[in-house]
Amino acid sequence: MASTTRLTRREFFHDVVAHTRAALPGDLASFQTYATMNLVKLHYGQPRLHYEVWTNARDNHIEIGLHFEDGPESTEALIGFFDRHIVEIKHELGPDVELERWTPSWGHLFTLLPYQPLTEDLAREVGERLARMIAVLQPLLDEASAQVRLSRGTGEGNRRQRRYRRGR
């Protein structure tokens, strides 16, 4: 029976994560997550190399992808690595998967779904697609990461410190 009950974004992301985890083999099910109002990120100890589901109502799509946000050198190397495997990746994940560099230090390998009401059925579909993407891409990302020097480290402690200014 189809579930057409609308979910909040928070509920939707929670369910996407649950469906993704359930669809992955044990060794890939132990990812870490971080959610904001419009997206959820999943990673395996390197937050700047993460999978992401972004509900972009403004541009009318839902993105499911692997993001490279580590720095110019590593992003270039990772995009080059995945470009060399793009035919096999598209064979496994479908012809609509794209590899794109947005800025010198930011790129992604992704697919888009049309934006639609956030339901349990959609959360299941997105979770299953994301699990398939992880199952195909994570072994490649592990291989690439062993060859690429990550420029900003792997821990949360390397985040730029925000500076707050007191009002006068």
C-alpha atoms as a PDB file:
ATOM      1  CA  MET A   1       0.000   0.000   0.000  1.00  0.00           C
ATOM      2  CA  ALA A   2       1.407   3.381  -1.012  1.00  0.00           C
ATOM      3  CA  SER A   3       2.084   5.878   1.738  1.00  0.00           C
ATOM      4  CA  THR A   4       1.006   9.358   0.694  1.00  0.00           C
ATOM      5  CA  THR A   5       1.228  10.856   4.180  1.00  0.00           C
ATOM      6  CA  ARG A   6       3.344  13.972   3.962  1.00  0.00           C
ATOM      7  CA  LEU A   7       6.419  14.165   6.144  1.00  0.00           C
ATOM      8  CA  THR A   8       8.266  17.156   7.511  1.00  0.00           C
ATOM      9  CA  ARG A   9      11.809  17.516   6.167  1.00  0.00           C
ATOM     10  CA  ARG A  10      13.136  16.350   9.513  1.00  0.00           C
ATOM     11  CA  GLU A  11      10.976  13.207   9.386  1.00  0.00           C
ATOM     12  CA  PHE A  12      11.873  12.686   5.729  1.00  0.00           C
ATOM     13  CA  PHE A  13      15.633  12.856   6.380  1.00  0.00           C
ATOM     14  CA  HIS A  14      15.291  10.573   9.411  1.00  0.00           C
ATOM     15  CA  ASP A  15      13.460   8.018   7.264  1.00  0.00           C
ATOM     16  CA  VAL A  16      15.933   8.364   4.362  1.00  0.00           C
ATOM     17  CA  VAL A  17      18.797   7.605   6.767  1.00  0.00           C
ATOM     18  CA  ALA A  18      16.911   4.625   8.240  1.00  0.00           C
ATOM     19  CA  HIS A  19      16.106   3.182   4.795  1.00  0.00           C
ATOM     20  CA  THR A  20      19.672   3.771   3.595  1.00  0.00           C
ATOM     21  CA  ARG A  21      21.154   2.043   6.636  1.00  0.00           C
ATOM     22  CA  ALA A  22      18.745  -0.900   6.289  1.00  0.00           C
ATOM     23  CA  ALA A  23      19.607  -1.372   2.603  1.00  0.00           C
ATOM     24  CA  LEU A  24      23.396  -1.396   3.099  1.00  0.00           C
ATOM     25  CA  PRO A  25      25.599  -4.332   4.099  1.00  0.00           C
ATOM     26  CA  GLY A  26      26.860  -4.162   7.692  1.00  0.00           C
ATOM     27  CA  ASP A  27      30.281  -2.728   6.879  1.00  0.00           C
ATOM     28  CA  LEU A  28      28.700   0.256   5.086  1.00  0.00           C
ATOM     29  CA  ALA A  29      25.797   0.807   7.501  1.00  0.00           C
ATOM     30  CA  SER A  30      27.926   2.529  10.162  1.00  0.00           C
ATOM     31  CA  PHE A  31      28.069   5.999   8.620  1.00  0.00           C
ATOM     32  CA  GLN A  32      27.756   9.262  10.537  1.00  0.00           C
ATOM     33  CA  THR A  33      25.063  11.828   9.736  1.00  0.00           C
ATOM     34  CA  TYR A  34      24.494  15.551   9.922  1.00  0.00           C
ATOM     35  CA  ALA A  35      21.225  17.246   8.958  1.00  0.00           C
ATOM     36  CA  THR A  36      20.189  20.823   8.321  1.00  0.00           C
ATOM     37  CA  MET A  37      16.822  22.231   7.328  1.00  0.00           C
ATOM     38  CA  ASN A  38      17.201  21.290   3.629  1.00  0.00           C
ATOM     39  CA  LEU A  39      19.708  18.442   3.518  1.00  0.00           C
ATOM     40  CA  VAL A  40      21.252  15.468   5.238  1.00  0.00           C
ATOM     41  CA  LYS A  41      24.905  14.425   4.931  1.00  0.00           C
ATOM     42  CA  LEU A  42      26.319  10.931   5.507  1.00  0.00           C
ATOM     43  CA  HIS A  43      30.024  10.209   5.810  1.00  0.00           C
ATOM     44  CA  TYR A  44      32.527   7.583   6.886  1.00  0.00           C
ATOM     45  CA  GLY A  45      34.876   9.660   9.037  1.00  0.00           C
ATOM     46  CA  GLN A  46      35.746  12.297   6.430  1.00  0.00           C
ATOM     47  CA  PRO A  47      33.023  14.962   6.695  1.00  0.00           C
ATOM     48  CA  ARG A  48      34.329  16.866   3.671  1.00  0.00           C
ATOM     49  CA  LEU A  49      33.787  13.771   1.509  1.00  0.00           C
ATOM     50  CA  HIS A  50      30.153  12.941   2.094  1.00  0.00           C
ATOM     51  CA  TYR A  51      26.942  11.683   0.546  1.00  0.00           C
ATOM     52  CA  GLU A  52      24.117  14.175   0.540  1.00  0.00           C
ATOM     53  CA  VAL A  53      20.381  14.327  -0.009  1.00  0.00           C
ATOM     54  CA  TRP A  54      19.242  17.887  -0.686  1.00  0.00           C
ATOM     55  CA  THR A  55      15.582  18.841  -1.007  1.00  0.00           C
ATOM     56  CA  ASN A  56      15.750  21.910  -3.220  1.00  0.00           C
ATOM     57  CA  ALA A  57      12.184  23.168  -3.628  1.00  0.00           C
ATOM     58  CA  ARG A  58      13.369  26.450  -5.158  1.00  0.00           C
ATOM     59  CA  ASP A  59      15.020  24.707  -8.127  1.00  0.00           C
ATOM     60  CA  ASN A  60      12.400  21.942  -8.109  1.00  0.00           C
ATOM     61  CA  HIS A  61      14.623  18.910  -7.513  1.00  0.00           C
ATOM     62  CA  ILE A  62      15.956  16.491  -4.934  1.00  0.00           C
ATOM     63  CA  GLU A  63      19.664  15.776  -5.274  1.00  0.00           C
ATOM     64  CA  ILE A  64      21.237  12.487  -4.224  1.00  0.00           C
ATOM     65  CA  GLY A  65      25.005  12.610  -4.481  1.00  0.00           C
ATOM     66  CA  LEU A  66      28.582  12.226  -3.338  1.00  0.00           C
ATOM     67  CA  HIS A  67      30.228  15.572  -2.548  1.00  0.00           C
ATOM     68  CA  PHE A  68      33.922  16.479  -2.639  1.00  0.00           C
ATOM     69  CA  GLU A  69      34.518  19.569  -0.463  1.00  0.00           C
ATOM     70  CA  ASP A  70      38.048  19.040   0.802  1.00  0.00           C
ATOM     71  CA  GLY A  71      40.042  21.613  -1.172  1.00  0.00           C
ATOM     72  CA  PRO A  72      41.188  22.433  -4.711  1.00  0.00           C
ATOM     73  CA  GLU A  73      43.916  19.796  -5.086  1.00  0.00           C
ATOM     74  CA  SER A  74      42.002  16.866  -3.653  1.00  0.00           C
ATOM     75  CA  THR A  75      38.766  17.857  -5.405  1.00  0.00           C
ATOM     76  CA  GLU A  76      40.585  17.991  -8.743  1.00  0.00           C
ATOM     77  CA  ALA A  77      42.193  14.603  -8.089  1.00  0.00           C
ATOM     78  CA  LEU A  78      38.901  13.024  -6.970  1.00  0.00           C
ATOM     79  CA  ILE A  79      36.989  14.376  -9.957  1.00  0.00           C
ATOM     80  CA  GLY A  80      39.723  13.045 -12.239  1.00  0.00           C
ATOM     81  CA  PHE A  81      39.589   9.658 -10.522  1.00  0.00           C
ATOM     82  CA  PHE A  82      35.808   9.359 -10.804  1.00  0.00           C
ATOM     83  CA  ASP A  83      35.853  10.667 -14.377  1.00  0.00           C
ATOM     84  CA  ARG A  84      38.076   7.714 -15.310  1.00  0.00           C
ATOM     85  CA  HIS A  85      35.354   5.419 -13.903  1.00  0.00           C
ATOM     86  CA  ILE A  86      32.275   7.313 -15.127  1.00  0.00           C
ATOM     87  CA  VAL A  87      31.251   4.744 -17.759  1.00  0.00           C
ATOM     88  CA  GLU A  88      31.177   1.945 -15.176  1.00  0.00           C
ATOM     89  CA  ILE A  89      29.451   4.226 -12.654  1.00  0.00           C
ATOM     90  CA  LYS A  90      26.715   5.150 -15.147  1.00  0.00           C
ATOM     91  CA  HIS A  91      26.343   1.480 -16.037  1.00  0.00           C
ATOM     92  CA  GLU A  92      25.734   0.648 -12.354  1.00  0.00           C
ATOM     93  CA  LEU A  93      23.739   3.719 -11.273  1.00  0.00           C
ATOM     94  CA  GLY A  94      22.063   4.866 -14.483  1.00  0.00           C
ATOM     95  CA  PRO A  95      22.753   7.321 -17.288  1.00  0.00           C
ATOM     96  CA  ASP A  96      21.337  10.277 -15.345  1.00  0.00           C
ATOM     97  CA  VAL A  97      24.297  10.296 -12.913  1.00  0.00           C
ATOM     98  CA  GLU A  98      26.516  13.333 -13.508  1.00  0.00           C
ATOM     99  CA  LEU A  99      29.987  14.358 -12.351  1.00  0.00           C
ATOM    100  CA  GLU A 100      30.398  18.109 -11.947  1.00  0.00           C
ATOM    101  CA  ARG A 101      32.833  20.649 -10.535  1.00  0.00           C
ATOM    102  CA  TRP A 102      31.080  23.716  -9.124  1.00  0.00           C
ATOM    103  CA  THR A 103      34.085  25.603  -7.771  1.00  0.00           C
ATOM    104  CA  PRO A 104      37.822  24.873  -7.603  1.00  0.00           C
ATOM    105  CA  SER A 105      37.351  23.231  -4.191  1.00  0.00           C
ATOM    106  CA  TRP A 106      33.886  21.731  -4.589  1.00  0.00           C
ATOM    107  CA  GLY A 107      32.459  19.033  -6.847  1.00  0.00           C
ATOM    108  CA  HIS A 108      29.914  16.264  -6.811  1.00  0.00           C
ATOM    109  CA  LEU A 109      28.740  13.084  -8.485  1.00  0.00           C
ATOM    110  CA  PHE A 110      24.947  13.166  -8.363  1.00  0.00           C
ATOM    111  CA  THR A 111      21.520  12.408  -9.726  1.00  0.00           C
ATOM    112  CA  LEU A 112      18.380  14.532  -9.539  1.00  0.00           C
ATOM    113  CA  LEU A 113      14.790  13.578  -8.886  1.00  0.00           C
ATOM    114  CA  PRO A 114      11.899  15.961  -9.519  1.00  0.00           C
ATOM    115  CA  TYR A 115      10.838  17.749  -6.354  1.00  0.00           C
ATOM    116  CA  GLN A 116       7.666  16.214  -4.983  1.00  0.00           C
ATOM    117  CA  PRO A 117       5.812  15.944  -1.693  1.00  0.00           C
ATOM    118  CA  LEU A 118       7.987  14.323   0.975  1.00  0.00           C
ATOM    119  CA  THR A 119       6.325  11.004   1.806  1.00  0.00           C
ATOM    120  CA  GLU A 120       7.353   7.687   3.342  1.00  0.00           C
ATOM    121  CA  ASP A 121       7.382   6.124  -0.142  1.00  0.00           C
ATOM    122  CA  LEU A 122       9.718   8.833  -1.420  1.00  0.00           C
ATOM    123  CA  ALA A 123      11.961   8.434   1.655  1.00  0.00           C
ATOM    124  CA  ARG A 124      12.174   4.707   0.906  1.00  0.00           C
ATOM    125  CA  GLU A 125      12.984   5.344  -2.787  1.00  0.00           C
ATOM    126  CA  VAL A 126      15.629   7.966  -1.961  1.00  0.00           C
ATOM    127  CA  GLY A 127      17.118   5.761   0.773  1.00  0.00           C
ATOM    128  CA  GLU A 128      17.367   2.805  -1.591  1.00  0.00           C
ATOM    129  CA  ARG A 129      18.934   4.945  -4.335  1.00  0.00           C
ATOM    130  CA  LEU A 130      21.400   6.418  -1.868  1.00  0.00           C
ATOM    131  CA  ALA A 131      22.286   2.953  -0.554  1.00  0.00           C
ATOM    132  CA  ARG A 132      22.946   1.765  -4.108  1.00  0.00           C
ATOM    133  CA  MET A 133      25.089   4.845  -4.747  1.00  0.00           C
ATOM    134  CA  ILE A 134      27.094   4.219  -1.570  1.00  0.00           C
ATOM    135  CA  ALA A 135      27.542   0.522  -2.387  1.00  0.00           C
ATOM    136  CA  VAL A 136      28.941   1.416  -5.822  1.00  0.00           C
ATOM    137  CA  LEU A 137      30.915   4.564  -4.971  1.00  0.00           C
ATOM    138  CA  GLN A 138      32.332   3.984  -1.483  1.00  0.00           C
ATOM    139  CA  PRO A 139      34.829   1.294  -2.574  1.00  0.00           C
ATOM    140  CA  LEU A 140      35.988   3.684  -5.312  1.00  0.00           C
ATOM    141  CA  LEU A 141      36.149   6.585  -2.849  1.00  0.00           C
ATOM    142  CA  ASP A 142      38.216   4.456  -0.457  1.00  0.00           C
ATOM    143  CA  GLU A 143      40.590   3.601  -3.301  1.00  0.00           C
ATOM    144  CA  ALA A 144      40.817   7.227  -4.418  1.00  0.00           C
ATOM    145  CA  SER A 145      41.272   8.537  -0.860  1.00  0.00           C
ATOM    146  CA  ALA A 146      44.261   6.235  -0.390  1.00  0.00           C
ATOM    147  CA  GLN A 147      45.880   7.912  -3.410  1.00  0.00           C
ATOM    148  CA  VAL A 148      44.836  11.526  -2.758  1.00  0.00           C
ATOM    149  CA  ARG A 149      46.268  13.796  -0.092  1.00  0.00           C
ATOM    150  CA  LEU A 150      43.280  15.346   1.627  1.00  0.00           C
ATOM    151  CA  SER A 151      43.935  19.030   2.111  1.00  0.00           C
ATOM    152  CA  ARG A 152      41.825  19.886   5.118  1.00  0.00           C
ATOM    153  CA  GLY A 153      42.059  16.810   7.287  1.00  0.00           C
ATOM    154  CA  THR A 154      39.299  14.505   8.389  1.00  0.00           C
ATOM    155  CA  GLY A 155      38.120  15.775  11.739  1.00  0.00           C
ATOM    156  CA  GLU A 156      35.556  18.303  12.815  1.00  0.00           C
ATOM    157  CA  GLY A 157      38.319  20.125  14.691  1.00  0.00           C
ATOM    158  CA  ASN A 158      39.637  21.444  11.398  1.00  0.00           C
ATOM    159  CA  ARG A 159      36.591  23.576  10.761  1.00  0.00           C
ATOM    160  CA  ARG A 160      37.208  27.259  10.365  1.00  0.00           C
ATOM    161  CA  GLN A 161      36.384  29.023  13.569  1.00  0.00           C
ATOM    162  CA  ARG A 162      33.536  31.474  13.258  1.00  0.00           C
ATOM    163  CA  ARG A 163      34.214  34.920  14.570  1.00  0.00           C
ATOM    164  CA  TYR A 164      31.417  36.825  16.174  1.00  0.00           C
ATOM    165  CA  ARG A 165      31.395  40.554  16.510  1.00  0.00           C
ATOM    166  CA  ARG A 166      29.747  42.255  19.412  1.00  0.00           C
ATOM    167  CA  GLY A 167      27.210  44.927  18.636  1.00  0.00           C
ATOM    168  CA  ARG A 168      28.215  48.463  19.633  1.00  0.00           C
END
